[in-house]
N, C-alpha and C. Protein backbone atom coordinates (compact mmCIF):
# COMPACT_ATOMS: atom_id res chain seq x y z
N MET A 1 0.57 -1.33 0.53
CA MET A 1 -0.47 -0.24 -0.06
C MET A 1 0.65 1.21 -0.20
N LYS A 2 2.31 0.89 0.99
CA LYS A 2 2.83 2.47 0.69
C LYS A 2 3.70 2.37 -0.42
N LYS A 3 3.67 1.29 -1.18
CA LYS A 3 4.65 2.03 -2.64
C LYS A 3 2.62 2.82 -2.87
N VAL A 4 2.00 2.38 -3.50
CA VAL A 4 1.12 2.47 -4.29
C VAL A 4 0.70 3.99 -4.05
N VAL A 5 1.01 4.19 -2.47
CA VAL A 5 0.38 5.84 -2.66
C VAL A 5 1.97 6.22 -2.34
N PHE A 6 3.27 6.43 -2.82
CA PHE A 6 4.37 6.73 -3.18
C PHE A 6 4.53 7.13 -4.59
N LEU A 7 4.14 6.16 -5.54
CA LEU A 7 4.47 5.64 -6.63
C LEU A 7 2.87 7.53 -6.54
N PHE A 8 1.71 7.28 -6.48
CA PHE A 8 0.64 8.15 -6.99
C PHE A 8 1.46 9.39 -6.52
N ALA A 9 2.18 9.51 -5.78
CA ALA A 9 1.97 11.45 -5.22
C ALA A 9 3.46 11.14 -6.40
N LEU A 10 4.17 10.35 -6.13
CA LEU A 10 5.25 10.46 -7.36
C LEU A 10 4.83 11.24 -8.93
N MET A 11 4.01 10.32 -8.82
CA MET A 11 2.84 11.10 -10.57
C MET A 11 2.41 12.29 -10.36
N LEU A 12 1.74 12.62 -9.45
CA LEU A 12 1.04 13.91 -9.48
C LEU A 12 2.22 15.08 -9.11
N SER A 13 3.41 14.35 -8.42
CA SER A 13 4.50 15.90 -8.15
C SER A 13 4.97 16.23 -9.65
N SER A 14 5.23 14.87 -10.24
CA SER A 14 5.40 14.68 -12.50
C SER A 14 4.80 15.69 -12.69
N LEU A 15 3.55 15.63 -12.72
CA LEU A 15 2.34 16.40 -13.42
C LEU A 15 2.36 17.84 -13.01
N ALA A 16 2.20 18.17 -11.84
CA ALA A 16 2.78 19.75 -11.27
C ALA A 16 3.65 20.64 -12.00
N ILE A 17 5.26 19.47 -11.75
CA ILE A 17 6.41 19.99 -12.48
C ILE A 17 6.07 20.55 -13.73
N SER A 18 5.64 19.07 -14.69
CA SER A 18 5.24 20.18 -16.60
C SER A 18 3.95 20.49 -16.23
N ALA A 19 3.13 20.82 -15.76
CA ALA A 19 2.25 21.83 -15.68
C ALA A 19 3.11 23.56 -15.51
N GLN A 20 4.20 23.92 -15.11
CA GLN A 20 4.72 24.65 -14.61
C GLN A 20 4.62 25.60 -16.45
N GLU A 21 4.84 27.22 -16.93
CA GLU A 21 4.30 27.43 -17.72
C GLU A 21 5.63 28.58 -17.41
N PHE A 22 6.58 28.95 -18.46
CA PHE A 22 7.83 29.50 -18.37
C PHE A 22 7.52 30.73 -19.38
N ARG A 23 7.94 32.01 -19.15
CA ARG A 23 7.98 32.91 -20.30
C ARG A 23 8.82 32.18 -21.48
N ASP A 24 8.45 33.09 -22.24
CA ASP A 24 8.76 32.93 -23.52
C ASP A 24 10.77 34.46 -23.22
N LEU A 25 11.44 34.21 -23.84
CA LEU A 25 12.73 34.96 -24.04
C LEU A 25 12.32 36.31 -23.36
N ASP A 26 13.11 37.28 -22.93
CA ASP A 26 12.53 38.46 -22.97
C ASP A 26 13.34 39.13 -23.69
N VAL A 27 13.01 40.50 -25.31
CA VAL A 27 13.49 40.95 -25.98
C VAL A 27 13.83 42.12 -25.26
N SER A 28 14.81 42.43 -24.48
CA SER A 28 15.04 43.36 -24.12
C SER A 28 16.32 42.30 -23.45
N PRO A 29 17.18 41.57 -23.36
CA PRO A 29 17.84 40.09 -22.70
C PRO A 29 18.56 41.67 -21.96
N MET A 30 19.06 41.27 -19.84
CA MET A 30 19.41 41.58 -18.95
C MET A 30 21.21 41.54 -20.40
N ASP A 31 21.92 42.80 -19.28
CA ASP A 31 23.17 42.32 -19.51
C ASP A 31 24.38 42.56 -17.76
N ALA A 32 25.62 42.79 -17.91
CA ALA A 32 25.68 43.29 -17.39
C ALA A 32 27.00 43.97 -17.66
N LEU A 33 28.50 44.62 -16.88
CA LEU A 33 29.28 44.63 -17.17
C LEU A 33 29.84 45.41 -15.78
N SER A 34 31.55 45.43 -15.86
CA SER A 34 32.46 45.60 -14.42
C SER A 34 33.53 46.38 -15.32
N TYR A 35 33.76 47.43 -14.23
CA TYR A 35 35.64 47.84 -14.56
C TYR A 35 36.18 47.33 -13.20
N PRO A 36 37.08 46.27 -12.60
CA PRO A 36 38.11 46.81 -14.35
C PRO A 36 37.92 45.90 -14.86
N LEU A 37 38.19 45.89 -16.33
CA LEU A 37 37.63 44.39 -16.96
C LEU A 37 38.08 42.68 -16.81
N SER A 38 38.96 42.97 -16.25
CA SER A 38 39.44 41.39 -16.69
C SER A 38 38.20 40.74 -15.76
N TYR A 39 37.90 39.32 -15.77
CA TYR A 39 37.13 38.59 -15.44
C TYR A 39 38.18 37.57 -14.03
N LYS A 40 39.87 38.23 -14.36
CA LYS A 40 40.37 37.54 -13.10
C LYS A 40 40.62 38.78 -12.10
N THR A 41 40.19 39.88 -11.92
CA THR A 41 39.86 40.83 -11.04
C THR A 41 38.61 40.66 -10.43
N SER A 42 38.63 40.06 -9.09
CA SER A 42 37.42 39.94 -8.21
C SER A 42 37.53 40.78 -7.39
N GLU A 43 38.15 42.55 -7.70
CA GLU A 43 38.15 43.32 -6.57
C GLU A 43 37.44 44.51 -8.22
N LYS A 44 36.21 44.59 -7.45
CA LYS A 44 35.33 45.43 -8.73
C LYS A 44 35.39 46.88 -8.30
N VAL A 45 35.48 47.64 -8.75
CA VAL A 45 35.19 48.50 -8.62
C VAL A 45 33.78 49.25 -8.68
N VAL A 46 33.01 49.01 -10.18
CA VAL A 46 31.75 49.36 -10.16
C VAL A 46 30.98 48.37 -10.91
N LYS A 47 29.94 47.64 -10.95
CA LYS A 47 29.27 47.10 -11.56
C LYS A 47 27.95 47.51 -12.71
N ILE A 48 27.92 47.46 -13.95
CA ILE A 48 26.01 48.03 -14.19
C ILE A 48 25.44 46.53 -14.67
N ILE A 49 24.20 46.35 -14.20
CA ILE A 49 23.28 45.80 -13.98
C ILE A 49 21.98 46.07 -15.18
N TYR A 50 21.66 46.33 -16.85
CA TYR A 50 20.49 46.97 -17.35
C TYR A 50 19.88 46.02 -18.45
N SER A 51 19.40 46.30 -18.91
CA SER A 51 18.61 45.37 -19.92
C SER A 51 18.37 46.33 -21.33
N ARG A 52 19.09 45.50 -22.47
CA ARG A 52 19.09 46.12 -23.90
C ARG A 52 18.03 46.41 -24.56
N PRO A 53 17.17 47.50 -25.21
CA PRO A 53 16.51 47.21 -25.64
C PRO A 53 16.88 47.82 -26.50
N GLN A 54 15.91 47.18 -28.11
CA GLN A 54 16.91 47.29 -29.93
C GLN A 54 15.60 47.97 -30.27
N LEU A 55 16.38 48.34 -31.38
CA LEU A 55 15.66 49.52 -32.10
C LEU A 55 14.41 48.72 -33.44
N LYS A 56 14.77 47.87 -33.71
CA LYS A 56 13.77 46.78 -34.77
C LYS A 56 13.02 47.86 -36.03
N GLY A 57 13.69 48.96 -35.91
CA GLY A 57 13.67 49.84 -37.20
C GLY A 57 13.39 51.01 -36.35
N ARG A 58 12.93 51.33 -35.43
CA ARG A 58 12.71 52.40 -34.78
C ARG A 58 14.09 53.42 -34.48
N SER A 59 13.86 54.45 -34.62
CA SER A 59 14.47 56.11 -34.06
C SER A 59 14.62 55.97 -32.69
N ILE A 60 15.44 55.90 -32.27
CA ILE A 60 16.26 56.05 -30.55
C ILE A 60 15.65 57.27 -30.48
N GLU A 61 15.62 58.53 -30.89
CA GLU A 61 14.78 59.47 -29.53
C GLU A 61 12.83 58.99 -29.79
N SER A 62 12.35 57.74 -30.19
CA SER A 62 10.87 57.31 -30.39
C SER A 62 11.36 56.54 -29.15
N LEU A 63 12.28 55.85 -28.69
CA LEU A 63 12.26 54.30 -27.30
C LEU A 63 13.04 56.03 -26.49
N ALA A 64 14.05 57.16 -26.40
CA ALA A 64 14.57 57.22 -25.07
C ALA A 64 14.92 59.18 -25.52
N ALA A 65 13.50 59.62 -25.60
CA ALA A 65 13.23 61.55 -26.32
C ALA A 65 13.73 62.08 -25.50
N ASN A 66 14.98 62.44 -26.79
CA ASN A 66 15.14 63.73 -26.35
C ASN A 66 14.32 65.04 -25.51
N GLY A 67 15.48 65.48 -24.56
CA GLY A 67 14.35 66.30 -23.12
C GLY A 67 14.36 65.70 -22.62
N LYS A 68 13.67 63.81 -22.26
CA LYS A 68 13.38 63.77 -21.10
C LYS A 68 13.88 62.72 -20.66
N VAL A 69 13.34 62.74 -19.35
CA VAL A 69 13.84 61.38 -18.96
C VAL A 69 14.24 59.52 -19.45
N TRP A 70 15.14 59.34 -18.71
CA TRP A 70 14.68 57.65 -20.01
C TRP A 70 15.60 57.04 -18.46
N ARG A 71 15.38 55.48 -18.49
CA ARG A 71 16.01 54.81 -17.53
C ARG A 71 17.40 53.84 -17.88
N MET A 72 17.98 54.38 -18.82
CA MET A 72 19.29 54.42 -19.67
C MET A 72 18.84 52.48 -20.17
N GLY A 73 17.47 51.83 -20.61
CA GLY A 73 18.18 50.59 -21.15
C GLY A 73 16.32 50.08 -21.36
N ALA A 74 15.93 48.72 -20.45
CA ALA A 74 14.87 48.57 -20.74
C ALA A 74 14.40 48.06 -19.52
N ASN A 75 13.24 47.56 -19.44
CA ASN A 75 12.83 47.45 -18.27
C ASN A 75 12.60 48.16 -16.74
N GLU A 76 13.52 47.34 -16.02
CA GLU A 76 13.82 48.18 -14.61
C GLU A 76 14.76 49.01 -15.21
N ALA A 77 14.46 50.06 -14.55
CA ALA A 77 16.22 50.99 -14.16
C ALA A 77 17.66 49.94 -14.31
N THR A 78 18.21 50.53 -15.06
CA THR A 78 19.13 50.11 -14.82
C THR A 78 20.32 50.74 -13.43
N GLU A 79 20.73 49.49 -12.53
CA GLU A 79 21.27 49.32 -11.60
C GLU A 79 22.93 49.54 -12.21
N VAL A 80 23.69 50.58 -11.09
CA VAL A 80 24.92 50.92 -10.21
C VAL A 80 25.16 50.48 -8.90
N ARG A 81 26.21 49.82 -9.41
CA ARG A 81 26.70 49.18 -8.11
C ARG A 81 28.29 49.82 -8.01
N LEU A 82 28.48 50.48 -7.09
CA LEU A 82 29.97 51.12 -6.86
C LEU A 82 30.57 50.84 -5.19
N TYR A 83 31.66 49.81 -6.00
CA TYR A 83 32.35 49.16 -4.02
C TYR A 83 32.92 50.18 -4.19
N LYS A 84 33.42 51.21 -4.35
CA LYS A 84 34.27 52.55 -3.94
C LYS A 84 34.31 53.41 -4.29
N ASP A 85 34.56 54.41 -3.87
CA ASP A 85 34.03 56.62 -3.53
C ASP A 85 34.44 56.56 -5.38
N VAL A 86 34.37 56.78 -6.64
CA VAL A 86 34.14 56.82 -8.25
C VAL A 86 34.28 58.52 -7.84
N VAL A 87 35.01 58.75 -9.62
CA VAL A 87 34.28 60.59 -9.54
C VAL A 87 33.42 59.71 -10.74
N PHE A 88 32.62 60.52 -10.71
CA PHE A 88 31.11 60.27 -12.32
C PHE A 88 31.48 61.29 -13.06
N GLY A 89 31.56 61.50 -14.25
CA GLY A 89 31.53 62.49 -14.98
C GLY A 89 31.89 63.70 -14.29
N GLY A 90 33.46 64.14 -13.51
CA GLY A 90 33.30 65.19 -12.87
C GLY A 90 33.25 65.05 -11.66
N GLU A 91 32.42 64.18 -11.09
CA GLU A 91 31.71 64.26 -9.65
C GLU A 91 32.07 63.31 -8.82
N LYS A 92 32.31 63.66 -7.57
CA LYS A 92 33.01 62.65 -6.24
C LYS A 92 31.76 61.99 -5.78
N VAL A 93 31.57 60.78 -5.64
CA VAL A 93 30.16 60.20 -5.58
C VAL A 93 30.70 58.95 -4.42
N LYS A 94 30.01 58.37 -3.76
CA LYS A 94 30.30 57.69 -2.27
C LYS A 94 30.13 56.22 -2.83
N ALA A 95 30.96 55.02 -2.41
CA ALA A 95 30.44 53.63 -2.73
C ALA A 95 28.77 53.41 -2.94
N GLY A 96 27.85 52.80 -3.18
CA GLY A 96 26.77 52.44 -2.79
C GLY A 96 25.53 51.99 -3.73
N THR A 97 24.72 51.39 -4.45
CA THR A 97 23.58 51.26 -4.86
C THR A 97 22.90 52.11 -5.91
N TYR A 98 22.76 52.61 -6.81
CA TYR A 98 22.39 53.50 -7.47
C TYR A 98 21.64 53.52 -8.64
N SER A 99 20.57 54.01 -9.31
CA SER A 99 20.27 54.00 -9.94
C SER A 99 20.41 54.75 -11.30
N LEU A 100 20.90 54.69 -12.67
CA LEU A 100 21.23 55.30 -13.73
C LEU A 100 20.31 55.61 -14.78
N PHE A 101 19.98 56.96 -15.72
CA PHE A 101 18.62 57.82 -15.73
C PHE A 101 19.58 58.11 -16.63
N ALA A 102 19.17 58.75 -17.93
CA ALA A 102 19.57 60.09 -18.42
C ALA A 102 18.60 60.92 -19.54
N ILE A 103 18.64 62.28 -19.59
CA ILE A 103 18.06 62.63 -20.26
C ILE A 103 18.83 62.77 -21.84
N PRO A 104 18.67 62.04 -22.90
CA PRO A 104 19.23 62.67 -24.15
C PRO A 104 19.11 63.67 -25.06
N GLY A 105 20.28 64.61 -25.15
CA GLY A 105 19.93 65.61 -25.94
C GLY A 105 20.89 64.62 -27.57
N GLU A 106 20.72 65.99 -28.58
CA GLU A 106 21.71 66.08 -29.19
C GLU A 106 23.00 66.25 -29.31
N LYS A 107 24.20 67.12 -28.21
CA LYS A 107 24.62 67.46 -28.40
C LYS A 107 25.27 66.43 -27.46
N GLU A 108 24.83 66.51 -25.91
CA GLU A 108 25.72 66.47 -24.91
C GLU A 108 24.32 65.68 -24.37
N TRP A 109 24.16 64.60 -23.61
CA TRP A 109 23.35 63.58 -22.45
C TRP A 109 23.40 64.08 -21.14
N THR A 110 22.65 64.73 -20.65
CA THR A 110 22.91 64.59 -18.89
C THR A 110 22.30 62.78 -18.57
N VAL A 111 24.20 62.78 -17.64
CA VAL A 111 23.66 61.46 -17.21
C VAL A 111 23.59 61.43 -15.80
N ILE A 112 22.38 60.74 -15.47
CA ILE A 112 22.24 61.15 -13.73
C ILE A 112 22.01 59.71 -12.53
N LEU A 113 22.47 60.27 -11.39
CA LEU A 113 22.79 58.60 -10.54
C LEU A 113 21.91 59.14 -9.41
N ASN A 114 20.78 58.11 -9.44
CA ASN A 114 19.73 58.46 -8.06
C ASN A 114 19.70 57.02 -7.34
N LYS A 115 19.09 57.93 -5.65
CA LYS A 115 19.31 57.32 -5.04
C LYS A 115 17.91 56.05 -5.11
N ASP A 116 17.39 56.48 -5.55
CA ASP A 116 16.13 54.94 -6.16
C ASP A 116 16.72 54.35 -6.77
N ILE A 117 16.19 52.32 -5.89
CA ILE A 117 16.41 52.04 -6.73
C ILE A 117 15.44 50.75 -7.02
N ASN A 118 15.84 49.99 -7.25
CA ASN A 118 14.31 48.77 -7.28
C ASN A 118 13.08 49.47 -7.85
N VAL A 119 13.46 50.79 -9.26
CA VAL A 119 12.09 50.87 -9.58
C VAL A 119 11.66 50.67 -11.15
N TRP A 120 11.19 49.89 -12.09
CA TRP A 120 10.27 50.19 -13.16
C TRP A 120 10.83 50.66 -13.61
N GLY A 121 11.40 51.25 -15.01
CA GLY A 121 12.01 52.63 -15.83
C GLY A 121 11.84 53.76 -15.53
N ALA A 122 11.05 54.56 -15.74
CA ALA A 122 11.08 55.93 -15.43
C ALA A 122 10.48 56.27 -14.98
N TYR A 123 9.11 56.16 -15.04
CA TYR A 123 7.71 56.21 -14.47
C TYR A 123 7.40 56.59 -12.80
N SER A 124 9.03 56.67 -11.96
CA SER A 124 8.07 56.45 -10.48
C SER A 124 10.14 57.82 -10.76
N TYR A 125 10.80 58.19 -11.22
CA TYR A 125 11.45 58.82 -11.00
C TYR A 125 11.56 60.10 -10.18
N LYS A 126 12.37 60.40 -9.54
CA LYS A 126 12.18 61.51 -8.81
C LYS A 126 13.94 62.55 -8.88
N LYS A 127 13.54 63.21 -8.82
CA LYS A 127 14.98 64.52 -9.55
C LYS A 127 15.00 64.33 -7.52
N GLU A 128 14.73 64.78 -6.82
CA GLU A 128 14.74 65.05 -5.51
C GLU A 128 15.88 64.34 -5.34
N ASN A 129 15.77 62.94 -5.34
CA ASN A 129 16.19 61.69 -5.25
C ASN A 129 18.69 61.69 -6.15
N ASP A 130 17.38 62.52 -6.38
CA ASP A 130 19.66 62.88 -8.04
C ASP A 130 20.07 62.84 -6.52
N VAL A 131 22.09 61.82 -7.02
CA VAL A 131 22.56 61.71 -6.01
C VAL A 131 23.83 62.84 -6.92
N VAL A 132 24.12 63.00 -8.43
CA VAL A 132 24.44 63.49 -9.29
C VAL A 132 23.74 63.64 -10.93
N ARG A 133 24.44 64.91 -11.42
CA ARG A 133 23.77 65.08 -13.01
C ARG A 133 24.95 65.54 -13.05
N VAL A 134 25.22 64.83 -14.62
CA VAL A 134 26.53 65.94 -15.63
C VAL A 134 25.91 64.70 -16.65
N LYS A 135 27.27 66.16 -17.78
CA LYS A 135 27.37 65.91 -18.52
C LYS A 135 28.23 65.69 -19.16
N ALA A 136 27.61 64.62 -20.29
CA ALA A 136 28.51 63.18 -20.93
C ALA A 136 28.20 64.25 -22.22
N GLU A 137 29.60 63.50 -23.29
CA GLU A 137 29.83 63.83 -24.62
C GLU A 137 28.91 62.87 -25.79
N VAL A 138 28.26 63.65 -26.51
CA VAL A 138 27.57 62.61 -27.35
C VAL A 138 28.27 62.64 -28.87
N SER A 139 28.83 61.12 -29.97
CA SER A 139 29.30 61.67 -31.14
C SER A 139 28.65 60.48 -31.85
N GLU A 140 29.24 60.33 -33.36
CA GLU A 140 28.53 59.51 -34.28
C GLU A 140 29.36 57.78 -33.86
N ASN A 141 28.46 56.77 -34.25
CA ASN A 141 29.23 55.83 -33.68
C ASN A 141 29.19 55.72 -35.65
N LYS A 142 30.25 54.98 -35.36
CA LYS A 142 31.20 53.60 -37.10
C LYS A 142 30.33 53.14 -37.69
N GLU A 143 29.80 52.89 -36.87
CA GLU A 143 28.46 51.73 -36.99
C GLU A 143 27.73 51.49 -36.15
N SER A 144 26.33 51.20 -37.43
CA SER A 144 25.13 51.39 -35.79
C SER A 144 25.13 50.22 -35.34
N ILE A 145 24.88 50.16 -33.89
CA ILE A 145 24.20 48.84 -32.76
C ILE A 145 22.77 49.23 -32.50
N GLU A 146 22.54 47.92 -33.27
CA GLU A 146 21.02 47.43 -32.88
C GLU A 146 20.26 47.67 -31.88
N ALA A 147 20.93 46.67 -30.48
CA ALA A 147 21.03 46.74 -29.34
C ALA A 147 21.52 47.60 -28.51
N PHE A 148 20.87 48.10 -27.08
CA PHE A 148 21.57 49.05 -26.15
C PHE A 148 22.77 48.87 -25.89
N THR A 149 24.03 49.48 -25.86
CA THR A 149 25.04 48.82 -25.12
C THR A 149 25.88 49.53 -24.57
N MET A 150 26.30 49.03 -23.75
CA MET A 150 27.85 49.35 -22.42
C MET A 150 28.53 48.89 -22.62
N ALA A 151 29.81 49.71 -22.61
CA ALA A 151 31.07 49.28 -22.20
C ALA A 151 31.68 49.56 -21.19
N PHE A 152 32.26 49.20 -20.99
CA PHE A 152 34.37 50.59 -20.20
C PHE A 152 35.39 49.91 -20.89
N ASP A 153 36.00 51.37 -21.29
CA ASP A 153 37.27 51.07 -21.71
C ASP A 153 38.35 50.32 -20.41
N LYS A 154 39.61 50.26 -21.36
CA LYS A 154 40.75 50.04 -19.75
C LYS A 154 40.84 51.05 -18.59
N ASP A 155 40.96 52.80 -19.26
CA ASP A 155 40.65 53.63 -18.09
C ASP A 155 39.03 54.36 -17.75
N MET A 156 38.69 53.24 -17.69
CA MET A 156 37.30 52.89 -17.00
C MET A 156 36.41 54.42 -17.26
N ASN A 157 36.58 54.86 -18.92
CA ASN A 157 35.38 55.45 -19.41
C ASN A 157 34.42 54.92 -19.54
N LEU A 158 32.95 55.06 -19.84
CA LEU A 158 31.76 54.68 -19.89
C LEU A 158 31.49 55.21 -21.22
N TYR A 159 30.97 54.08 -22.30
CA TYR A 159 30.60 54.61 -23.46
C TYR A 159 29.08 53.42 -23.58
N MET A 160 28.45 54.10 -24.09
CA MET A 160 26.96 53.88 -24.20
C MET A 160 26.39 54.21 -25.43
N ALA A 161 26.10 52.98 -26.85
CA ALA A 161 26.29 53.05 -28.03
C ALA A 161 24.89 52.71 -28.38
N TRP A 162 24.22 53.30 -29.28
CA TRP A 162 23.06 52.73 -29.75
C TRP A 162 22.63 53.53 -30.78
N GLY A 163 22.70 52.47 -31.98
CA GLY A 163 22.26 53.08 -33.31
C GLY A 163 23.66 53.26 -33.53
N THR A 164 23.72 54.93 -33.86
CA THR A 164 24.97 55.32 -34.64
C THR A 164 25.10 56.52 -32.78
N THR A 165 24.71 56.77 -32.13
CA THR A 165 25.01 57.55 -31.27
C THR A 165 25.95 56.94 -30.33
N LEU A 166 26.86 57.28 -29.74
CA LEU A 166 27.62 56.83 -28.77
C LEU A 166 28.38 57.76 -27.86
N VAL A 167 27.34 58.25 -26.73
CA VAL A 167 27.99 58.93 -25.47
C VAL A 167 29.07 57.95 -24.62
N THR A 168 29.75 59.38 -24.34
CA THR A 168 31.49 59.24 -23.26
C THR A 168 30.97 59.46 -22.22
N LEU A 169 31.26 58.95 -20.91
CA LEU A 169 31.06 59.82 -19.76
C LEU A 169 32.17 59.08 -19.22
N PRO A 170 33.62 59.96 -18.92
CA PRO A 170 34.36 59.71 -17.94
C PRO A 170 34.29 59.63 -16.56
N MET A 171 35.14 58.16 -16.10
CA MET A 171 34.74 58.13 -14.51
C MET A 171 36.35 57.53 -14.21
N SER A 172 36.54 57.34 -13.08
CA SER A 172 37.94 57.53 -12.71
C SER A 172 37.93 56.50 -11.30
N GLU A 173 38.99 56.19 -10.74
CA GLU A 173 38.68 55.82 -8.98
C GLU A 173 38.69 56.89 -8.25
N LYS A 174 38.05 57.53 -7.44
CA LYS A 174 38.22 58.62 -6.52
C LYS A 174 40.06 59.24 -5.75
């Protein structure tokens, strides 16, 4: 009798597992980058976690409008973890976790570190919670980038590329 009950319970549990529905892959996949660049360096200065929206034939301005606050990615607001104090676009910033926003413009973007975390998009963005607002230079990228992308160079400069727009923000350890 115990064997019958066990087999019955096992069959029910396998049905419950196979009945689980999983969502499709996110069209704006999550990505992360950190500095220093080497995976062999465990003591990082900064880590950025963001989702990568795709242009799919649309303009950047239709997704990240000039003059309006944008979440610097897709889905959740981009998260910046500073493990050490840094100079962010010329401004000193203490170690901590922040959200990253931007106000796109034709010649420069205003890049914002905000103390609100775990927020979706820029819908609940509050200017009064900004830690710093800095200007970042905009230039034209040689190639068009379909998915919004961020990268550090060896000197800790942060590059944000999308379409043919390239935004450069200098960073350094304090």
